[in-house]
């Protein structure tokens, strides 16, 4: 590893269309001062594509939709509203935006970057939920970082990954 590197370089991954959108979203949000975790489970039965934590402790949820069928099949997204201060959809530029609810945030993304077109309304989390969410976010991020340093199957399971992901 080169001096100053936090993690070793890795080979390019094959990403699904939704994962490519999430990658671009995470890059853009990082440039805005957010730390991002992909595929976080804030509560049993819910898995958000991107959970972003801002410098002031705000949580944003971003759901990445690869196409209209992916959006129409999502029956759980309204449950995510209770787990964030702001909610966004991330879609590719060719996605028919009129399908998306107008009272939510909208991000256009690709694998390399993203642009926020619309900021959705703020729904402030209750302090106890914010604290629990911050704890879960920190724990998941730390476990995933540890899994990078020790990529054995046991570390992957602790990080919420399957053994085939390592």
N, C-alpha and C. Protein backbone atom coordinates (compact mmCIF):
# COMPACT_ATOMS: atom_id res chain seq x y z
N UNK A 1 0.84 -1.17 0.00
CA UNK A 1 0.00 0.00 0.00
C UNK A 1 0.89 1.24 0.00
N UNK A 2 0.49 2.26 -0.75
CA UNK A 2 1.25 3.49 -0.82
C UNK A 2 1.07 4.30 0.46
N UNK A 3 2.07 5.07 0.87
CA UNK A 3 1.93 5.90 2.06
C UNK A 3 0.73 6.84 1.93
N UNK A 4 -0.04 6.97 3.00
CA UNK A 4 -1.18 7.87 3.02
C UNK A 4 -2.47 7.28 2.51
N UNK A 5 -2.43 6.07 1.96
CA UNK A 5 -3.66 5.45 1.48
C UNK A 5 -4.41 4.84 2.66
N UNK A 6 -5.71 5.02 2.68
CA UNK A 6 -6.52 4.47 3.75
C UNK A 6 -6.85 3.00 3.52
N UNK A 7 -7.10 2.64 2.29
CA UNK A 7 -7.40 1.26 1.95
C UNK A 7 -6.61 0.90 0.71
N UNK A 8 -6.29 -0.36 0.54
CA UNK A 8 -5.54 -0.74 -0.66
C UNK A 8 -6.40 -0.58 -1.90
N UNK A 9 -5.76 -0.30 -3.05
CA UNK A 9 -6.53 -0.22 -4.28
C UNK A 9 -7.10 -1.60 -4.61
N UNK A 10 -8.26 -1.61 -5.24
CA UNK A 10 -8.86 -2.90 -5.59
C UNK A 10 -9.24 -2.90 -7.06
N UNK A 11 -9.46 -4.09 -7.57
CA UNK A 11 -9.83 -4.24 -8.97
C UNK A 11 -11.23 -3.67 -9.19
N UNK A 12 -11.49 -3.16 -10.39
CA UNK A 12 -12.84 -2.65 -10.67
C UNK A 12 -13.88 -3.74 -10.48
N UNK A 13 -15.01 -3.36 -9.93
CA UNK A 13 -16.09 -4.30 -9.69
C UNK A 13 -17.10 -4.22 -10.83
N UNK A 14 -17.80 -5.31 -11.03
CA UNK A 14 -18.93 -5.28 -11.95
C UNK A 14 -20.14 -4.83 -11.16
N UNK A 15 -20.69 -3.71 -11.54
CA UNK A 15 -21.78 -3.11 -10.79
C UNK A 15 -23.09 -3.21 -11.57
N UNK A 16 -24.17 -3.40 -10.85
CA UNK A 16 -25.50 -3.37 -11.45
C UNK A 16 -25.83 -1.92 -11.79
N UNK A 17 -26.85 -1.69 -12.60
CA UNK A 17 -27.23 -0.29 -12.89
C UNK A 17 -27.53 0.51 -11.62
N UNK A 18 -28.22 -0.08 -10.65
CA UNK A 18 -28.51 0.62 -9.41
C UNK A 18 -27.26 0.92 -8.61
N UNK A 19 -26.30 0.00 -8.61
CA UNK A 19 -25.04 0.23 -7.90
C UNK A 19 -24.22 1.32 -8.57
N UNK A 20 -24.30 1.41 -9.90
CA UNK A 20 -23.60 2.50 -10.59
C UNK A 20 -24.19 3.85 -10.20
N UNK A 21 -25.52 3.92 -10.11
CA UNK A 21 -26.16 5.17 -9.66
C UNK A 21 -25.72 5.50 -8.24
N UNK A 22 -25.72 4.49 -7.36
CA UNK A 22 -25.32 4.72 -5.96
C UNK A 22 -23.88 5.22 -5.88
N UNK A 23 -23.00 4.69 -6.72
CA UNK A 23 -21.61 5.14 -6.73
C UNK A 23 -21.51 6.62 -7.07
N UNK A 24 -22.22 7.04 -8.12
CA UNK A 24 -22.20 8.45 -8.50
C UNK A 24 -22.81 9.34 -7.42
N UNK A 25 -23.90 8.87 -6.80
CA UNK A 25 -24.54 9.62 -5.72
C UNK A 25 -23.57 9.78 -4.56
N UNK A 26 -22.91 8.70 -4.17
CA UNK A 26 -21.97 8.78 -3.04
C UNK A 26 -20.82 9.74 -3.34
N UNK A 27 -20.32 9.73 -4.55
CA UNK A 27 -19.26 10.67 -4.92
C UNK A 27 -19.74 12.11 -4.80
N UNK A 28 -20.93 12.39 -5.34
CA UNK A 28 -21.46 13.75 -5.31
C UNK A 28 -21.76 14.20 -3.88
N UNK A 29 -22.33 13.32 -3.07
CA UNK A 29 -22.63 13.70 -1.69
C UNK A 29 -21.36 13.87 -0.87
N UNK A 30 -20.34 13.07 -1.15
CA UNK A 30 -19.06 13.24 -0.45
C UNK A 30 -18.49 14.63 -0.74
N UNK A 31 -18.65 15.09 -1.97
CA UNK A 31 -18.17 16.43 -2.32
C UNK A 31 -18.95 17.52 -1.57
N UNK A 32 -20.15 17.18 -1.08
CA UNK A 32 -20.97 18.12 -0.29
C UNK A 32 -20.78 17.92 1.21
N UNK A 33 -19.81 17.08 1.59
CA UNK A 33 -19.52 16.90 3.01
C UNK A 33 -20.26 15.76 3.69
N UNK A 34 -20.91 14.89 2.93
CA UNK A 34 -21.63 13.76 3.50
C UNK A 34 -20.75 12.51 3.51
N UNK A 35 -20.95 11.68 4.52
CA UNK A 35 -20.38 10.33 4.54
C UNK A 35 -21.52 9.40 4.14
N UNK A 36 -21.23 8.44 3.28
CA UNK A 36 -22.28 7.57 2.76
C UNK A 36 -22.01 6.10 3.06
N UNK A 37 -23.08 5.38 3.31
CA UNK A 37 -23.05 3.93 3.45
C UNK A 37 -24.11 3.38 2.50
N UNK A 38 -23.72 2.45 1.67
CA UNK A 38 -24.67 1.83 0.76
C UNK A 38 -25.31 0.61 1.41
N UNK A 39 -26.54 0.35 1.00
CA UNK A 39 -27.29 -0.82 1.45
C UNK A 39 -27.31 -0.96 2.96
N UNK A 40 -27.82 0.05 3.62
CA UNK A 40 -27.94 0.04 5.08
C UNK A 40 -29.36 -0.38 5.46
N UNK A 41 -29.45 -1.17 6.51
CA UNK A 41 -30.74 -1.63 7.04
C UNK A 41 -31.04 -0.81 8.30
N UNK A 42 -31.89 0.23 8.19
CA UNK A 42 -32.19 1.03 9.38
C UNK A 42 -33.16 0.34 10.33
N UNK A 43 -33.97 -0.58 9.80
CA UNK A 43 -34.94 -1.34 10.60
C UNK A 43 -35.22 -2.65 9.88
N UNK A 44 -35.62 -3.67 10.60
CA UNK A 44 -35.92 -4.95 9.94
C UNK A 44 -36.92 -4.77 8.79
N UNK A 45 -36.60 -5.37 7.65
CA UNK A 45 -37.46 -5.29 6.49
C UNK A 45 -37.20 -4.10 5.58
N UNK A 46 -36.29 -3.22 5.97
CA UNK A 46 -35.95 -2.06 5.15
C UNK A 46 -34.46 -2.09 4.81
N UNK A 47 -34.15 -1.80 3.56
CA UNK A 47 -32.75 -1.66 3.15
C UNK A 47 -32.66 -0.50 2.18
N UNK A 48 -32.02 0.57 2.61
CA UNK A 48 -31.90 1.75 1.76
C UNK A 48 -30.67 1.62 0.88
N UNK A 49 -30.75 2.17 -0.31
CA UNK A 49 -29.62 2.09 -1.24
C UNK A 49 -28.45 2.92 -0.75
N UNK A 50 -28.72 4.17 -0.34
CA UNK A 50 -27.66 5.04 0.18
C UNK A 50 -28.19 5.77 1.42
N UNK A 51 -27.47 5.65 2.51
CA UNK A 51 -27.74 6.44 3.71
C UNK A 51 -26.57 7.42 3.81
N UNK A 52 -26.89 8.70 3.86
CA UNK A 52 -25.85 9.73 3.90
C UNK A 52 -25.97 10.52 5.20
N UNK A 53 -24.84 10.73 5.85
CA UNK A 53 -24.77 11.47 7.11
C UNK A 53 -24.00 12.76 6.86
N UNK A 54 -24.66 13.89 7.12
CA UNK A 54 -24.06 15.20 6.90
C UNK A 54 -23.27 15.69 8.10
N UNK A 55 -22.53 16.75 7.90
CA UNK A 55 -21.66 17.31 8.93
C UNK A 55 -22.43 17.81 10.15
N UNK A 56 -23.68 18.17 9.99
CA UNK A 56 -24.50 18.66 11.10
C UNK A 56 -25.38 17.55 11.69
N UNK A 57 -25.12 16.30 11.29
CA UNK A 57 -25.86 15.17 11.83
C UNK A 57 -27.14 14.84 11.09
N UNK A 58 -27.37 15.47 9.93
CA UNK A 58 -28.57 15.19 9.17
C UNK A 58 -28.42 13.89 8.38
N UNK A 59 -29.51 13.16 8.26
CA UNK A 59 -29.52 11.91 7.50
C UNK A 59 -30.38 12.06 6.26
N UNK A 60 -29.80 11.68 5.13
CA UNK A 60 -30.53 11.64 3.87
C UNK A 60 -30.57 10.19 3.40
N UNK A 61 -31.71 9.78 2.88
CA UNK A 61 -31.85 8.48 2.24
C UNK A 61 -32.01 8.71 0.74
N UNK A 62 -31.26 7.94 -0.04
CA UNK A 62 -31.35 8.02 -1.50
C UNK A 62 -31.66 6.62 -2.02
N UNK A 63 -32.78 6.53 -2.73
CA UNK A 63 -33.16 5.28 -3.37
C UNK A 63 -32.81 5.39 -4.85
N UNK A 64 -32.04 4.44 -5.35
CA UNK A 64 -31.57 4.44 -6.73
C UNK A 64 -32.48 3.54 -7.57
N UNK A 65 -33.03 4.10 -8.63
CA UNK A 65 -33.94 3.34 -9.49
C UNK A 65 -33.36 3.28 -10.90
N UNK A 66 -33.15 2.05 -11.37
CA UNK A 66 -32.53 1.85 -12.66
C UNK A 66 -33.50 2.01 -13.83
N UNK A 67 -34.79 2.00 -13.57
CA UNK A 67 -35.77 2.17 -14.62
C UNK A 67 -37.17 2.20 -14.05
N UNK A 68 -38.16 2.47 -14.90
CA UNK A 68 -39.55 2.54 -14.43
C UNK A 68 -40.04 1.27 -13.75
N UNK A 69 -39.66 0.12 -14.27
CA UNK A 69 -40.11 -1.14 -13.65
C UNK A 69 -39.55 -1.28 -12.24
N UNK A 70 -38.31 -0.88 -12.05
CA UNK A 70 -37.68 -0.91 -10.73
C UNK A 70 -38.44 0.01 -9.77
N UNK A 71 -38.82 1.19 -10.24
CA UNK A 71 -39.57 2.13 -9.40
C UNK A 71 -40.95 1.56 -9.05
N UNK A 72 -41.65 1.05 -10.05
CA UNK A 72 -43.01 0.54 -9.82
C UNK A 72 -43.02 -0.66 -8.88
N UNK A 73 -41.94 -1.43 -8.86
CA UNK A 73 -41.86 -2.61 -8.00
C UNK A 73 -41.55 -2.27 -6.54
N UNK A 74 -41.12 -1.05 -6.28
CA UNK A 74 -40.73 -0.65 -4.92
C UNK A 74 -41.98 -0.35 -4.11
N UNK A 75 -42.28 -1.22 -3.15
CA UNK A 75 -43.45 -1.06 -2.29
C UNK A 75 -43.08 -0.57 -0.89
N UNK A 76 -41.77 -0.40 -0.63
CA UNK A 76 -41.33 -0.08 0.73
C UNK A 76 -40.81 1.33 0.92
N UNK A 77 -40.70 2.10 -0.13
CA UNK A 77 -39.99 3.37 -0.03
C UNK A 77 -40.60 4.32 0.99
N UNK A 78 -41.92 4.31 1.17
CA UNK A 78 -42.53 5.24 2.13
C UNK A 78 -42.12 4.90 3.57
N UNK A 79 -41.75 3.65 3.82
CA UNK A 79 -41.24 3.28 5.14
C UNK A 79 -39.89 3.90 5.44
N UNK A 80 -39.16 4.32 4.40
CA UNK A 80 -37.85 4.94 4.60
C UNK A 80 -37.98 6.37 5.13
N UNK A 81 -39.13 6.99 4.92
CA UNK A 81 -39.32 8.39 5.34
C UNK A 81 -39.17 8.57 6.84
N UNK A 82 -39.47 7.53 7.61
CA UNK A 82 -39.33 7.60 9.06
C UNK A 82 -37.89 7.48 9.53
N UNK A 83 -36.96 7.26 8.60
CA UNK A 83 -35.56 7.01 8.95
C UNK A 83 -34.61 8.03 8.36
N UNK A 84 -35.13 9.19 7.96
CA UNK A 84 -34.25 10.21 7.39
C UNK A 84 -34.85 11.59 7.58
N UNK A 85 -33.98 12.59 7.43
CA UNK A 85 -34.43 13.98 7.45
C UNK A 85 -34.89 14.43 6.07
N UNK A 86 -34.30 13.84 5.03
CA UNK A 86 -34.71 14.12 3.64
C UNK A 86 -34.61 12.83 2.83
N UNK A 87 -35.52 12.70 1.87
CA UNK A 87 -35.57 11.51 1.02
C UNK A 87 -35.41 11.93 -0.44
N UNK A 88 -34.61 11.16 -1.18
CA UNK A 88 -34.34 11.43 -2.59
C UNK A 88 -34.47 10.17 -3.43
N UNK A 89 -34.84 10.37 -4.68
CA UNK A 89 -34.71 9.34 -5.71
C UNK A 89 -33.47 9.69 -6.53
N UNK A 90 -32.70 8.68 -6.90
CA UNK A 90 -31.59 8.88 -7.83
C UNK A 90 -31.90 8.06 -9.08
N UNK A 91 -31.88 8.73 -10.21
CA UNK A 91 -32.21 8.08 -11.48
C UNK A 91 -31.22 8.54 -12.55
N UNK A 92 -31.17 7.77 -13.63
CA UNK A 92 -30.36 8.15 -14.78
C UNK A 92 -31.06 9.28 -15.53
N UNK A 93 -30.31 10.05 -16.33
CA UNK A 93 -30.92 11.17 -17.05
C UNK A 93 -32.08 10.79 -17.97
N UNK A 94 -32.11 9.56 -18.46
CA UNK A 94 -33.19 9.17 -19.37
C UNK A 94 -34.42 8.59 -18.65
N UNK A 95 -34.41 8.57 -17.32
CA UNK A 95 -35.54 8.06 -16.55
C UNK A 95 -36.72 9.04 -16.69
N UNK A 96 -37.95 8.54 -16.89
CA UNK A 96 -39.11 9.45 -16.98
C UNK A 96 -39.45 10.03 -15.60
N UNK A 97 -38.98 11.23 -15.35
CA UNK A 97 -39.08 11.85 -14.03
C UNK A 97 -40.51 12.09 -13.58
N UNK A 98 -41.45 12.16 -14.50
CA UNK A 98 -42.85 12.40 -14.12
C UNK A 98 -43.43 11.24 -13.32
N UNK A 99 -42.79 10.08 -13.32
CA UNK A 99 -43.25 8.94 -12.52
C UNK A 99 -42.98 9.14 -11.02
N UNK A 100 -42.00 9.97 -10.69
CA UNK A 100 -41.57 10.12 -9.30
C UNK A 100 -42.45 11.11 -8.55
N UNK A 101 -42.76 10.84 -7.29
CA UNK A 101 -43.56 11.78 -6.50
C UNK A 101 -42.88 13.15 -6.42
N UNK A 102 -43.66 14.20 -6.61
CA UNK A 102 -43.12 15.56 -6.63
C UNK A 102 -42.69 16.09 -5.27
N UNK A 103 -43.15 15.43 -4.20
CA UNK A 103 -42.80 15.90 -2.85
C UNK A 103 -41.62 15.15 -2.26
N UNK A 104 -40.74 14.66 -3.15
CA UNK A 104 -39.52 13.98 -2.73
C UNK A 104 -38.35 14.62 -3.48
N UNK A 105 -37.14 14.37 -3.00
CA UNK A 105 -35.97 14.90 -3.67
C UNK A 105 -35.66 14.12 -4.94
N UNK A 106 -34.92 14.74 -5.83
CA UNK A 106 -34.57 14.12 -7.11
C UNK A 106 -33.11 14.39 -7.44
N UNK A 107 -32.41 13.31 -7.76
CA UNK A 107 -31.00 13.37 -8.13
C UNK A 107 -30.82 12.67 -9.47
N UNK A 108 -30.16 13.32 -10.40
CA UNK A 108 -29.75 12.66 -11.65
C UNK A 108 -28.33 12.16 -11.45
N UNK A 109 -28.11 10.88 -11.82
CA UNK A 109 -26.80 10.29 -11.52
C UNK A 109 -26.35 9.36 -12.64
N UNK A 110 -25.06 9.13 -12.64
CA UNK A 110 -24.45 8.05 -13.40
C UNK A 110 -23.39 7.45 -12.49
N UNK A 111 -22.52 6.63 -13.02
CA UNK A 111 -21.54 5.94 -12.17
C UNK A 111 -20.45 6.85 -11.64
N UNK A 112 -20.35 8.07 -12.15
CA UNK A 112 -19.23 8.92 -11.81
C UNK A 112 -19.60 10.19 -11.05
N UNK A 113 -20.85 10.60 -11.11
CA UNK A 113 -21.23 11.85 -10.46
C UNK A 113 -22.75 11.91 -10.39
N UNK A 114 -23.24 12.95 -9.76
CA UNK A 114 -24.68 13.16 -9.64
C UNK A 114 -24.95 14.63 -9.44
N UNK A 115 -26.18 15.03 -9.75
CA UNK A 115 -26.61 16.41 -9.57
C UNK A 115 -27.96 16.41 -8.89
N UNK A 116 -28.07 17.18 -7.82
CA UNK A 116 -29.34 17.31 -7.12
C UNK A 116 -30.20 18.29 -7.90
N UNK A 117 -31.35 17.81 -8.41
CA UNK A 117 -32.26 18.67 -9.14
C UNK A 117 -33.33 19.26 -8.22
N UNK A 118 -33.72 18.48 -7.21
CA UNK A 118 -34.78 18.93 -6.32
C UNK A 118 -34.50 18.40 -4.92
N UNK A 119 -34.55 19.29 -3.95
CA UNK A 119 -34.39 18.89 -2.54
C UNK A 119 -35.78 18.66 -1.98
N UNK A 120 -36.01 17.48 -1.45
CA UNK A 120 -37.30 17.17 -0.87
C UNK A 120 -37.50 17.87 0.46
N UNK A 121 -38.73 17.83 0.97
CA UNK A 121 -39.01 18.50 2.24
C UNK A 121 -38.26 17.86 3.40
N UNK A 122 -37.98 18.69 4.39
CA UNK A 122 -37.29 18.20 5.59
C UNK A 122 -38.31 17.61 6.55
N UNK A 123 -37.99 16.42 7.04
CA UNK A 123 -38.78 15.75 8.07
C UNK A 123 -37.79 15.38 9.17
N UNK A 124 -37.68 16.20 10.19
CA UNK A 124 -36.66 16.01 11.22
C UNK A 124 -36.90 14.73 12.02
N UNK A 125 -35.83 13.97 12.17
CA UNK A 125 -35.88 12.75 12.98
C UNK A 125 -36.00 13.11 14.46
N UNK A 126 -36.68 12.25 15.20
CA UNK A 126 -36.73 12.40 16.65
C UNK A 126 -35.33 12.15 17.21
N UNK A 127 -34.95 12.84 18.29
CA UNK A 127 -33.58 12.69 18.82
C UNK A 127 -33.19 11.24 19.14
N UNK A 128 -34.08 10.47 19.72
CA UNK A 128 -33.74 9.08 20.06
C UNK A 128 -33.50 8.25 18.80
N UNK A 129 -34.31 8.45 17.78
CA UNK A 129 -34.12 7.73 16.52
C UNK A 129 -32.83 8.17 15.85
N UNK A 130 -32.52 9.47 15.88
CA UNK A 130 -31.28 9.99 15.29
C UNK A 130 -30.07 9.33 15.96
N UNK A 131 -30.11 9.24 17.28
CA UNK A 131 -29.00 8.64 18.02
C UNK A 131 -28.83 7.17 17.65
N UNK A 132 -29.93 6.43 17.59
CA UNK A 132 -29.86 5.01 17.22
C UNK A 132 -29.37 4.85 15.79
N UNK A 133 -29.83 5.70 14.89
CA UNK A 133 -29.41 5.63 13.49
C UNK A 133 -27.93 5.96 13.35
N UNK A 134 -27.47 6.96 14.08
CA UNK A 134 -26.04 7.32 14.03
C UNK A 134 -25.18 6.17 14.55
N UNK A 135 -25.63 5.52 15.60
CA UNK A 135 -24.90 4.38 16.14
C UNK A 135 -24.84 3.25 15.10
N UNK A 136 -25.96 2.93 14.50
CA UNK A 136 -25.98 1.88 13.48
C UNK A 136 -25.14 2.22 12.27
N UNK A 137 -25.17 3.48 11.86
CA UNK A 137 -24.38 3.95 10.72
C UNK A 137 -22.89 3.78 11.02
N UNK A 138 -22.46 4.26 12.19
CA UNK A 138 -21.05 4.18 12.56
C UNK A 138 -20.58 2.74 12.68
N UNK A 139 -21.40 1.91 13.28
CA UNK A 139 -21.03 0.50 13.46
C UNK A 139 -20.90 -0.21 12.12
N UNK A 140 -21.87 0.00 11.22
CA UNK A 140 -21.80 -0.63 9.91
C UNK A 140 -20.59 -0.15 9.12
N UNK A 141 -20.33 1.15 9.14
CA UNK A 141 -19.17 1.69 8.42
C UNK A 141 -17.87 1.12 8.97
N UNK A 142 -17.76 1.02 10.30
CA UNK A 142 -16.54 0.48 10.91
C UNK A 142 -16.37 -1.00 10.58
N UNK A 143 -17.46 -1.76 10.61
CA UNK A 143 -17.37 -3.18 10.29
C UNK A 143 -16.96 -3.39 8.83
N UNK A 144 -17.50 -2.56 7.95
CA UNK A 144 -17.11 -2.69 6.53
C UNK A 144 -15.66 -2.31 6.30
N UNK A 145 -15.19 -1.29 7.00
CA UNK A 145 -13.78 -0.92 6.90
C UNK A 145 -12.90 -2.06 7.41
N UNK A 146 -13.27 -2.65 8.52
CA UNK A 146 -12.51 -3.77 9.06
C UNK A 146 -12.50 -4.94 8.08
N UNK A 147 -13.63 -5.18 7.41
CA UNK A 147 -13.70 -6.27 6.43
C UNK A 147 -12.75 -6.03 5.26
N UNK A 148 -12.45 -4.77 4.94
CA UNK A 148 -11.48 -4.48 3.89
C UNK A 148 -10.07 -4.87 4.33
N UNK A 149 -9.78 -4.65 5.61
CA UNK A 149 -8.44 -4.99 6.13
C UNK A 149 -8.30 -6.47 6.38
N UNK A 150 -9.38 -7.14 6.74
CA UNK A 150 -9.38 -8.56 7.05
C UNK A 150 -10.51 -9.22 6.27
N UNK A 151 -10.28 -9.50 4.99
CA UNK A 151 -11.39 -9.91 4.12
C UNK A 151 -11.83 -11.37 4.24
N UNK A 152 -11.65 -11.97 5.37
CA UNK A 152 -12.13 -13.34 5.55
C UNK A 152 -13.64 -13.40 5.64
N UNK A 153 -14.20 -14.58 5.49
CA UNK A 153 -15.67 -14.73 5.53
C UNK A 153 -16.29 -14.24 6.84
N UNK A 154 -15.62 -14.44 7.97
CA UNK A 154 -16.19 -14.01 9.24
C UNK A 154 -16.31 -12.48 9.29
N UNK A 155 -15.31 -11.79 8.79
CA UNK A 155 -15.35 -10.32 8.76
C UNK A 155 -16.46 -9.84 7.84
N UNK A 156 -16.66 -10.51 6.71
CA UNK A 156 -17.71 -10.12 5.78
C UNK A 156 -19.09 -10.27 6.42
N UNK A 157 -19.29 -11.34 7.13
CA UNK A 157 -20.58 -11.57 7.78
C UNK A 157 -20.83 -10.50 8.82
N UNK A 158 -19.81 -10.13 9.60
CA UNK A 158 -19.96 -9.07 10.60
C UNK A 158 -20.29 -7.73 9.94
N UNK A 159 -19.82 -7.53 8.73
CA UNK A 159 -20.05 -6.27 8.02
C UNK A 159 -21.35 -6.27 7.24
N UNK A 160 -22.12 -7.34 7.35
CA UNK A 160 -23.39 -7.39 6.63
C UNK A 160 -23.24 -7.77 5.17
N UNK A 161 -22.11 -8.34 4.81
CA UNK A 161 -21.86 -8.77 3.45
C UNK A 161 -21.97 -10.28 3.37
N UNK A 162 -22.21 -10.82 2.21
CA UNK A 162 -22.16 -12.26 2.06
C UNK A 162 -20.72 -12.67 1.80
N UNK A 163 -20.41 -13.93 2.08
CA UNK A 163 -19.04 -14.41 1.89
C UNK A 163 -18.60 -14.27 0.43
N UNK A 164 -19.54 -14.30 -0.52
CA UNK A 164 -19.17 -14.17 -1.92
C UNK A 164 -18.79 -12.75 -2.30
N UNK A 165 -19.08 -11.77 -1.42
CA UNK A 165 -18.72 -10.38 -1.69
C UNK A 165 -17.26 -10.08 -1.41
N UNK A 166 -16.55 -10.99 -0.74
CA UNK A 166 -15.15 -10.71 -0.40
C UNK A 166 -14.21 -11.35 -1.36
